Protein backbone atom coordinates (compact mmCIF):
# COMPACT_ATOMS: atom_id res chain seq x y z
CA MET A 1 23.71 -23.12 -15.72
CA ALA A 2 21.88 -21.92 -12.34
CA TRP A 3 20.19 -18.57 -12.61
CA ARG A 4 19.10 -16.33 -9.65
CA ILE A 5 16.17 -14.15 -10.14
CA GLY A 6 15.60 -10.75 -8.34
CA VAL A 7 11.93 -8.96 -9.45
CA ASP A 8 11.21 -5.55 -8.27
CA SER A 9 7.03 -5.09 -8.52
CA GLY A 10 6.24 -1.54 -8.43
CA GLY A 11 3.05 0.39 -9.05
CA THR A 12 4.54 1.60 -12.46
CA PHE A 13 7.11 -0.81 -13.60
CA THR A 14 8.15 -4.24 -12.95
CA ASP A 15 11.94 -4.98 -13.13
CA ILE A 16 13.69 -8.28 -13.49
CA CYS A 17 17.23 -9.10 -13.04
CA LEU A 18 18.93 -12.26 -13.82
CA PHE A 19 22.17 -13.43 -12.42
CA GLU A 20 23.94 -16.56 -13.68
CA GLU A 21 26.03 -17.81 -10.64
CA LYS A 22 28.94 -19.68 -12.47
CA SER A 23 29.88 -17.05 -15.29
CA GLY A 24 28.67 -14.01 -13.53
CA ARG A 25 26.42 -13.03 -16.41
CA ILE A 26 23.76 -10.27 -15.56
CA ALA A 27 20.50 -9.43 -17.92
CA VAL A 28 17.93 -7.30 -17.00
CA TRP A 29 14.32 -6.67 -18.11
CA LYS A 30 11.54 -4.43 -17.69
CA VAL A 31 7.75 -4.34 -18.09
CA SER A 32 4.99 -2.34 -17.33
CA SER A 33 2.79 -3.32 -14.12
CA THR A 34 -0.29 -4.49 -14.26
CA GLY A 35 -2.33 -2.94 -11.43
CA ALA A 36 -5.55 -4.99 -11.63
CA ASP A 37 -3.42 -8.10 -10.95
CA PRO A 38 0.45 -7.14 -10.13
CA SER A 39 1.39 -10.80 -10.09
CA ARG A 40 0.77 -11.14 -13.74
CA ALA A 41 3.37 -8.67 -14.80
CA VAL A 42 5.84 -10.49 -12.42
CA ALA A 43 4.89 -13.80 -14.61
CA GLU A 44 5.00 -11.92 -17.96
CA GLY A 45 8.17 -10.25 -17.18
CA LEU A 46 9.97 -13.18 -16.14
CA ARG A 47 8.81 -15.50 -19.29
CA GLU A 48 10.06 -12.57 -21.66
CA ALA A 49 13.40 -12.23 -19.75
CA LEU A 50 13.97 -15.88 -19.85
CA ALA A 51 13.20 -16.07 -23.60
CA GLN A 52 15.47 -13.25 -24.40
CA ILE A 53 18.49 -15.00 -22.79
CA ASN A 54 17.32 -18.58 -24.02
CA VAL A 55 17.01 -19.87 -20.39
CA THR A 56 14.23 -22.06 -19.46
CA ALA A 57 12.46 -21.99 -15.96
CA SER A 58 13.93 -25.38 -14.63
CA ASP A 59 17.47 -23.24 -14.64
CA VAL A 60 16.24 -20.89 -12.19
CA ALA A 61 17.80 -21.82 -8.87
CA TYR A 62 16.62 -18.69 -6.74
CA PHE A 63 13.60 -16.34 -6.81
CA GLY A 64 13.32 -13.43 -4.75
CA HIS A 65 11.52 -10.23 -5.03
CA GLY A 66 10.55 -6.91 -3.26
CA THR A 67 7.31 -5.41 -4.06
CA THR A 68 5.58 -2.31 -3.43
CA VAL A 69 2.00 -3.80 -3.27
CA ALA A 70 1.62 -3.30 0.44
CA THR A 71 3.14 0.14 0.56
CA ASN A 72 1.19 1.45 -2.21
CA ALA A 73 -2.12 0.08 -0.59
CA LEU A 74 -1.23 1.65 2.63
CA ILE A 75 -0.36 5.03 1.10
CA GLN A 76 -3.17 5.29 -1.44
CA HIS A 77 -5.62 3.74 1.42
CA ARG A 78 -6.73 1.04 -0.97
CA GLY A 79 -6.69 -1.86 1.70
CA ALA A 80 -9.53 -4.45 2.47
CA ARG A 81 -12.52 -3.54 4.34
CA SER A 82 -11.67 -4.39 7.89
CA GLY A 83 -13.28 -5.02 11.38
CA LEU A 84 -11.81 -4.78 14.85
CA ILE A 85 -12.90 -6.92 18.06
CA THR A 86 -11.18 -5.38 21.05
CA SER A 87 -11.71 -4.88 24.76
CA GLU A 88 -14.68 -3.19 26.10
CA GLY A 89 -13.93 0.58 26.39
CA PHE A 90 -11.23 0.72 23.97
CA ARG A 91 -12.40 0.67 20.44
CA ASP A 92 -11.63 4.41 19.94
CA LEU A 93 -8.01 3.94 20.91
CA LEU A 94 -7.44 3.44 17.23
CA GLU A 95 -8.54 7.17 16.44
CA ILE A 96 -7.51 8.75 19.65
CA GLY A 97 -3.86 7.59 19.37
CA ARG A 98 -1.14 9.29 21.19
CA GLN A 99 -0.90 13.28 22.69
CA LYS A 100 2.22 13.55 20.72
CA ARG A 101 1.74 15.03 17.34
CA PRO A 102 4.06 15.58 14.24
CA GLU A 103 3.63 19.22 13.99
CA LEU A 104 3.19 20.33 17.67
CA TYR A 105 2.04 24.11 16.86
CA ASP A 106 0.06 23.22 13.79
CA LEU A 107 -3.59 23.31 14.58
CA GLN A 108 -4.44 22.63 10.76
CA ALA A 109 -2.62 19.36 10.63
CA ASP A 110 -4.26 16.15 8.90
CA LYS A 111 -4.21 12.86 10.81
CA PRO A 112 -4.14 10.04 8.25
CA PRO A 113 -7.64 8.40 7.74
CA VAL A 114 -8.61 5.86 10.17
CA LEU A 115 -8.22 2.48 8.57
CA ILE A 116 -11.21 0.92 10.40
CA GLU A 117 -14.39 2.68 10.56
CA ARG A 118 -16.07 3.22 14.21
CA ARG A 119 -19.19 1.02 13.54
CA LEU A 120 -16.86 -1.61 12.58
CA ARG A 121 -14.73 -1.38 15.77
CA LEU A 122 -16.58 -3.68 18.04
CA GLU A 123 -16.11 -4.15 21.62
CA VAL A 124 -16.46 -7.50 23.76
CA PRO A 125 -16.30 -7.68 27.74
CA GLU A 126 -12.99 -8.87 28.80
CA ARG A 127 -10.04 -7.52 30.50
CA LEU A 128 -6.61 -8.36 31.78
CA ARG A 129 -4.60 -6.16 34.45
CA HIS A 130 -1.16 -4.98 33.79
CA ASP A 131 0.39 -7.89 35.50
CA GLY A 132 -1.50 -10.40 33.36
CA ARG A 133 -4.04 -11.48 35.94
CA VAL A 134 -7.56 -11.85 34.64
CA GLU A 135 -9.69 -9.08 35.84
CA THR A 136 -12.74 -10.01 33.63
CA ALA A 137 -13.20 -13.07 31.74
CA LEU A 138 -13.64 -13.39 27.95
CA ASP A 139 -17.32 -13.35 26.93
CA GLU A 140 -17.31 -15.69 24.16
CA ALA A 141 -21.05 -15.15 23.35
CA ALA A 142 -20.33 -11.38 22.61
CA VAL A 143 -17.06 -12.61 20.38
CA ARG A 144 -19.50 -14.68 18.71
CA ASN A 145 -22.03 -12.02 18.07
CA ALA A 146 -19.02 -9.80 17.08
CA ALA A 147 -17.86 -12.06 14.22
CA ARG A 148 -21.33 -12.47 12.96
CA ALA A 149 -22.04 -8.53 12.88
CA LEU A 150 -18.66 -8.26 10.91
CA ARG A 151 -19.68 -11.04 8.58
CA ASP A 152 -23.03 -9.54 8.13
CA ALA A 153 -21.24 -5.86 7.33
CA GLY A 154 -19.15 -7.79 4.38
CA VAL A 155 -15.58 -7.14 5.96
CA GLU A 156 -12.74 -8.85 4.24
CA ALA A 157 -10.50 -8.94 7.24
CA VAL A 158 -10.73 -8.92 11.29
CA ALA A 159 -8.05 -7.49 13.76
CA VAL A 160 -8.31 -8.97 17.18
CA CYS A 161 -6.43 -6.99 19.97
CA PHE A 162 -7.28 -7.02 23.79
CA LEU A 163 -5.53 -5.12 26.49
CA TYR A 164 -2.24 -6.80 27.74
CA SER A 165 -2.80 -9.76 25.65
CA PHE A 166 1.18 -9.87 25.36
CA LEU A 167 1.10 -10.97 28.77
CA ASP A 168 -1.39 -13.62 28.54
CA LEU A 169 -2.56 -14.41 24.87
CA ALA A 170 -5.48 -17.01 25.96
CA HIS A 171 -8.07 -14.45 25.43
CA GLU A 172 -6.89 -13.66 21.84
CA VAL A 173 -6.77 -17.32 21.17
CA ALA A 174 -10.21 -17.97 22.35
CA ALA A 175 -11.59 -15.14 20.15
CA ARG A 176 -9.58 -15.96 17.08
CA SER A 177 -10.81 -19.27 17.12
CA ILE A 178 -14.61 -18.24 17.59
CA VAL A 179 -14.25 -15.85 14.56
CA SER A 180 -12.62 -18.53 12.64
CA LYS A 181 -15.54 -20.73 13.28
CA GLU A 182 -18.25 -18.11 12.35
CA PHE A 183 -16.29 -16.44 9.53
CA PRO A 184 -14.02 -19.09 7.94
CA GLU A 185 -13.40 -17.25 4.74
CA VAL A 186 -12.13 -14.07 6.42
CA PHE A 187 -8.62 -13.24 7.08
CA ILE A 188 -8.25 -12.87 10.56
CA CYS A 189 -5.09 -11.91 12.69
CA ALA A 190 -4.57 -11.33 16.37
CA SER A 191 -2.07 -8.82 18.28
CA HIS A 192 -0.06 -11.33 19.81
CA GLU A 193 0.79 -13.21 16.47
CA VAL A 194 1.64 -9.64 14.80
CA ALA A 195 3.30 -7.48 17.56
CA PRO A 196 3.50 -9.18 21.02
CA GLU A 197 4.70 -6.16 22.77
CA PHE A 198 3.94 -3.39 25.12
CA ARG A 199 2.65 0.13 23.74
CA GLU A 200 -1.27 -0.58 23.19
CA TYR A 201 -2.01 2.11 20.41
CA GLU A 202 1.11 0.94 18.62
CA ARG A 203 0.28 -2.86 19.01
CA LEU A 204 -3.48 -2.15 18.13
CA LEU A 205 -2.40 0.08 14.90
CA THR A 206 0.08 -2.83 13.77
CA THR A 207 -2.53 -5.41 14.00
CA VAL A 208 -5.17 -3.38 12.03
CA VAL A 209 -2.86 -2.59 9.10
CA ASN A 210 -1.92 -6.32 9.13
CA ALA A 211 -5.45 -7.07 8.82
CA TYR A 212 -6.04 -3.89 6.31
CA LEU A 213 -3.32 -5.26 4.14
CA GLY A 214 -4.06 -9.03 4.61
CA PRO A 215 -6.49 -9.88 1.76
CA ILE A 216 -4.46 -7.68 -0.77
CA MET A 217 -1.00 -9.30 -0.18
CA ALA A 218 -2.53 -12.66 0.25
CA SER A 219 -4.17 -12.33 -3.37
CA TYR A 220 -0.75 -11.14 -4.67
CA ILE A 221 1.29 -13.67 -3.26
CA ARG A 222 -0.83 -16.35 -4.24
CA GLY A 223 -1.25 -15.32 -7.96
CA VAL A 224 2.52 -14.87 -8.01
CA ALA A 225 3.00 -18.56 -6.65
CA ASP A 226 0.55 -20.13 -9.12
CA ARG A 227 1.99 -18.21 -11.92
CA LEU A 228 5.75 -19.31 -11.23
CA ASN A 229 4.28 -23.00 -10.80
CA ALA A 230 2.66 -22.54 -14.19
CA LEU A 231 6.01 -21.44 -15.84
CA GLY A 232 7.74 -24.24 -14.41
CA VAL A 233 9.86 -22.62 -11.90
CA SER A 234 10.62 -24.96 -9.10
CA ALA A 235 12.61 -22.51 -6.85
CA THR A 236 11.17 -21.69 -3.41
CA PRO A 237 10.00 -17.90 -4.15
CA HIS A 238 11.02 -15.37 -1.22
CA LEU A 239 9.86 -12.00 -0.42
CA THR A 240 11.81 -9.09 0.96
CA GLN A 241 10.84 -7.94 4.43
CA SER A 242 10.82 -4.27 5.71
CA ASN A 243 14.13 -5.05 7.48
CA GLY A 244 16.03 -5.93 4.31
CA GLY A 245 15.89 -9.85 4.98
CA VAL A 246 13.88 -12.43 2.96
CA ILE A 247 10.82 -14.56 4.32
CA ASP A 248 8.87 -17.15 2.36
CA PHE A 249 5.57 -16.46 0.85
CA GLU A 250 3.51 -18.61 3.58
CA ALA A 251 4.98 -16.25 6.13
CA ALA A 252 4.36 -13.07 3.94
CA ALA A 253 0.62 -13.75 3.53
CA ARG A 254 0.26 -14.37 7.21
CA LEU A 255 2.23 -11.03 8.28
CA PRO A 256 1.95 -8.61 5.48
CA VAL A 257 2.68 -5.54 7.83
CA ARG A 258 6.45 -7.12 7.64
CA THR A 259 6.53 -6.21 4.03
CA VAL A 260 5.24 -2.56 4.22
CA LEU A 261 8.65 -1.54 3.18
CA SER A 262 9.59 -4.56 1.13
CA GLY A 263 10.27 -2.81 -2.11
CA PRO A 264 12.13 0.41 -0.43
CA SER A 265 13.99 -1.86 1.85
CA THR A 266 15.59 -3.80 -1.12
CA GLY A 267 16.52 -0.42 -2.84
CA VAL A 268 18.35 0.51 0.49
CA ILE A 269 19.93 -2.77 0.71
CA GLY A 270 21.24 -2.33 -2.98
CA ALA A 271 22.40 0.95 -2.26
CA GLN A 272 24.28 -0.22 0.75
CA VAL A 273 26.49 -2.81 -1.06
CA THR A 274 26.93 -0.40 -4.19
CA ALA A 275 28.63 2.06 -1.68
CA ARG A 276 30.83 -0.24 0.04
CA LEU A 277 32.22 -1.19 -3.46
CA ALA A 278 32.70 2.49 -4.46
CA GLY A 279 34.38 3.27 -0.88
CA ALA A 280 31.43 5.33 0.49
CA GLN A 281 30.35 5.30 4.15
CA ASP A 282 27.97 8.16 4.54
CA ILE A 283 25.34 8.30 2.00
CA ILE A 284 21.71 9.57 1.45
CA THR A 285 19.58 7.23 -0.81
CA PHE A 286 16.62 8.41 -2.93
CA ASP A 287 14.20 6.15 -4.56
CA MET A 288 11.50 7.50 -6.69
CA GLY A 289 8.87 5.44 -8.05
CA GLY A 290 5.64 6.23 -9.75
CA THR A 291 3.61 6.35 -6.45
CA SER A 292 6.01 6.88 -3.36
CA THR A 293 9.33 8.59 -2.68
CA ASP A 294 11.66 6.71 -0.26
CA VAL A 295 14.52 8.44 1.35
CA ALA A 296 17.32 6.56 3.93
CA LEU A 297 20.51 7.84 5.61
CA LEU A 298 23.34 5.24 5.99
CA GLN A 299 25.93 6.15 8.18
CA GLY A 300 29.27 4.26 8.34
CA GLY A 301 27.91 2.27 5.39
CA GLU A 302 24.79 0.63 7.16
CA ALA A 303 21.29 1.39 6.98
CA ARG A 304 19.88 2.12 10.57
CA LEU A 305 17.50 -0.63 11.75
CA ALA A 306 14.46 0.37 13.54
CA ARG A 307 11.98 -1.64 15.77
CA GLU A 308 9.15 0.53 14.58
CA ALA A 309 8.71 3.32 12.23
CA VAL A 310 5.98 5.88 11.00
CA VAL A 311 4.87 4.95 7.31
CA HIS A 312 2.82 7.67 5.98
CA GLY A 313 1.72 8.68 9.41
CA TYR A 314 0.85 5.21 10.65
CA PRO A 315 3.40 3.97 13.43
CA ILE A 316 4.29 0.26 12.72
CA LYS A 317 5.70 -1.65 15.35
CA ALA A 318 7.50 -4.02 13.38
CA PRO A 319 11.24 -4.58 12.48
CA MET A 320 12.42 -2.45 9.29
CA ARG A 321 15.27 -0.10 7.97
CA ASP A 322 14.92 3.53 8.81
CA ILE A 323 13.15 4.48 5.62
CA HIS A 324 11.28 7.72 5.18
CA THR A 325 8.44 7.56 2.52
CA VAL A 326 6.20 9.88 1.14
CA GLY A 327 2.97 9.49 -0.92
CA ALA A 328 4.37 11.45 -4.21
CA GLY A 329 6.00 9.80 -7.21
CA GLY A 330 6.32 10.48 -10.95
CA GLY A 331 2.78 9.17 -11.48
CA SER A 332 1.13 10.96 -8.39
CA ILE A 333 -2.28 12.55 -9.26
CA ALA A 334 -2.59 16.27 -8.80
CA PHE A 335 -6.06 17.74 -7.87
CA VAL A 336 -7.72 20.76 -6.24
CA ASP A 337 -9.31 20.08 -2.84
CA SER A 338 -12.61 21.62 -1.51
CA GLY A 339 -10.67 24.82 -0.29
CA GLY A 340 -9.12 25.42 -3.54
CA LEU A 341 -5.54 24.19 -2.61
CA LEU A 342 -3.65 22.47 -5.11
CA LYS A 343 -2.90 18.99 -3.64
CA VAL A 344 -0.28 16.06 -5.20
CA GLY A 345 -0.96 12.44 -4.23
CA PRO A 346 -1.05 9.97 -2.60
CA ARG A 347 -2.99 8.51 -5.37
CA SER A 348 -1.02 7.41 -8.83
CA ALA A 349 -1.92 6.97 -12.32
CA GLY A 350 0.07 3.80 -11.89
CA ALA A 351 0.87 2.21 -15.37
CA ASP A 352 -2.40 2.56 -17.07
CA PRO A 353 -2.86 5.34 -17.83
CA GLY A 354 0.55 5.98 -16.41
CA PRO A 355 2.40 9.40 -16.02
CA ALA A 356 1.56 12.40 -17.97
CA CYS A 357 4.68 11.70 -20.51
CA TYR A 358 2.62 8.61 -21.60
CA ASP A 359 0.11 10.97 -23.28
CA LEU A 360 -2.50 7.70 -22.66
CA VAL A 361 -6.23 7.97 -21.80
CA SER A 362 -7.93 4.75 -22.29
CA ARG A 363 -11.83 4.60 -23.54
CA ALA A 364 -12.44 2.97 -20.34
CA LEU A 365 -11.00 5.80 -18.51
CA LEU A 366 -12.85 8.57 -20.49
CA ARG A 367 -16.15 6.78 -19.99
CA SER A 368 -15.09 6.44 -16.18
CA TRP A 369 -14.45 10.13 -16.22
CA ARG A 370 -17.79 11.22 -18.06
CA SER A 371 -19.76 9.03 -15.57
CA ALA A 372 -18.31 10.70 -12.56
CA TYR A 373 -18.48 14.11 -13.43
CA THR A 374 -21.77 16.02 -13.71
CA PRO A 375 -21.87 18.97 -16.21
CA SER A 376 -22.44 21.47 -13.69
CA ARG A 377 -18.88 22.62 -12.98
CA ILE A 378 -15.43 21.51 -14.22
CA SER A 379 -13.08 23.74 -12.61
CA ALA A 380 -10.29 24.66 -14.85
CA CYS A 381 -7.75 24.55 -12.31
CA ALA A 382 -8.64 21.26 -11.04
CA THR A 383 -8.39 19.97 -14.71
CA SER A 384 -5.07 21.31 -15.35
CA ALA A 385 -3.80 20.25 -12.31
CA HIS A 386 -4.45 16.65 -13.15
CA PRO A 387 -1.56 14.82 -14.52
CA ILE A 388 -2.97 13.53 -17.69
CA THR A 389 -4.46 16.88 -19.08
CA ARG A 390 -2.28 19.02 -21.04
CA THR A 391 -4.10 22.41 -20.75
CA ALA A 392 -7.07 23.90 -19.08
CA ARG A 393 -8.39 25.20 -22.20
CA SER A 394 -9.22 22.03 -23.67
CA ILE A 395 -12.26 21.72 -21.21
CA PRO A 396 -14.84 24.35 -21.87
CA SER A 397 -17.17 25.30 -19.23
CA SER A 398 -20.21 23.35 -20.87
CA CYS A 399 -18.12 20.16 -19.37
CA SER A 400 -18.02 21.12 -15.68
CA SER A 401 -17.98 19.41 -12.42
CA ASN A 402 -18.87 19.90 -8.91
CA ALA A 403 -15.71 18.15 -7.43
CA PRO A 404 -11.95 17.60 -7.55
CA PRO A 405 -10.78 14.38 -9.14
CA ALA A 406 -12.19 11.77 -6.92
CA SER A 407 -9.68 9.46 -5.13
CA GLY A 408 -8.09 7.50 -7.68
CA GLY A 409 -10.12 9.09 -10.53
CA LYS A 410 -8.55 10.51 -13.46
CA THR A 411 -9.83 13.31 -15.81
CA ALA A 412 -9.45 12.95 -19.45
CA SER A 413 -6.91 14.53 -21.98
CA SER A 414 -7.74 17.58 -24.44
CA ARG A 415 -8.67 14.84 -27.04
CA SER A 416 -12.08 14.70 -25.28
CA SER A 417 -12.82 18.29 -25.68
CA LYS A 418 -14.36 17.60 -29.09
CA ASN A 419 -17.22 16.00 -27.54
CA CYS A 420 -18.11 18.73 -24.87
CA GLY A 421 -19.12 21.73 -27.02
CA THR A 422 -17.34 25.09 -27.07
CA GLY A 423 -16.96 27.90 -24.67
CA SER A 424 -15.34 31.23 -24.79
CA ARG A 425 -12.03 32.07 -23.15
CA SER A 426 -13.55 34.90 -20.69
CA ALA A 427 -16.32 32.30 -19.66
CA ARG A 428 -13.59 29.67 -18.94
CA ALA A 429 -11.83 32.44 -16.98
CA GLU A 430 -14.92 33.57 -15.00
CA MET A 431 -15.52 29.96 -14.00
CA MET A 432 -11.94 29.58 -12.77
CA ARG A 433 -12.19 32.64 -10.57
CA SER A 434 -15.60 31.67 -9.25
CA SER A 435 -14.93 27.91 -8.64
CA CYS A 436 -11.18 27.75 -7.67
């Protein structure tokens, strides 16, 4: 028997689908994802699924999977600490972007966070003209100094992007080689490898996103490959791209920006096939997970293919399905910001402690919460807005905090209130009025 395996690795659940080619038999299995190491849930889920249907790993003829590891890392801004080496005078292009804004008349519109802080964006003398002719030769000593500075700053990834390098890649190739020699352990990518096209801002940002996700995806892919080998799966593993096709693990580790919509695009392609079988031509897909919600429009039975798209505020120049993603899902964390407004996401509770319906707060989480919150002010509104808390009344005024839940942080459930003393209802009401 030859079995084809499909895996959907999300932030909250990991789903396994097994299909036997000859008989058409289908089996499915679901396990909780493992946030610290998502590859563990993939291997454990596959092992359990194979055991349930009495199939050995050697019977697996094909292994393909989609994942939201890159998607969630970008949405939640949990990528690698990265550095940039760029043409002299252009390090602020990453922050300036373009004049075009999503909301032209919204003076309070929030821009997405810049993925590389300014002090880690380093310039080197070099310049190509618009026709590819060299205006200023590359200063290799400056590149070497920049590489050493980034190494000393402790970055995990380096992006190299020079002006008009898509016309002549010689400067980027030389700079990449120098950085590799000075800093061999770092993940490095250059714009001519990632997006060799015109439009400087989009090319720069796409290269930066690739570097930002590089170490995360490389670790995940390496983990999945090692665990599949340990299970005895000999089939070559594949990963879904943002355009709905598949690439091998080596290419995915080198160009993780192509997998930023890996999981969502897999769902859209599945919906496309299902709609055809049902005789539907025009449909809207809605895919809500624990961290993000993805929506796509299919017209004439096809999901539109775009050469670039905006993913959570970042314009990315890579082939992908036209999918709109927002950082809000079933496990998104609610909090009250410094202005007293209720916000939801993009951080998610993941699989542990998971959505509020799990009603789980681990001891480690409780300790983390207690250490992060000082006893001067816990806003009842911030507490009640959190997905894990059941009621604001469970947190008396003696357990207050100065800030809304930190990024990725979680507040404790009402079970922790017994350690916090007592407080009158009127005192809690006054605290809510004064701090929210």
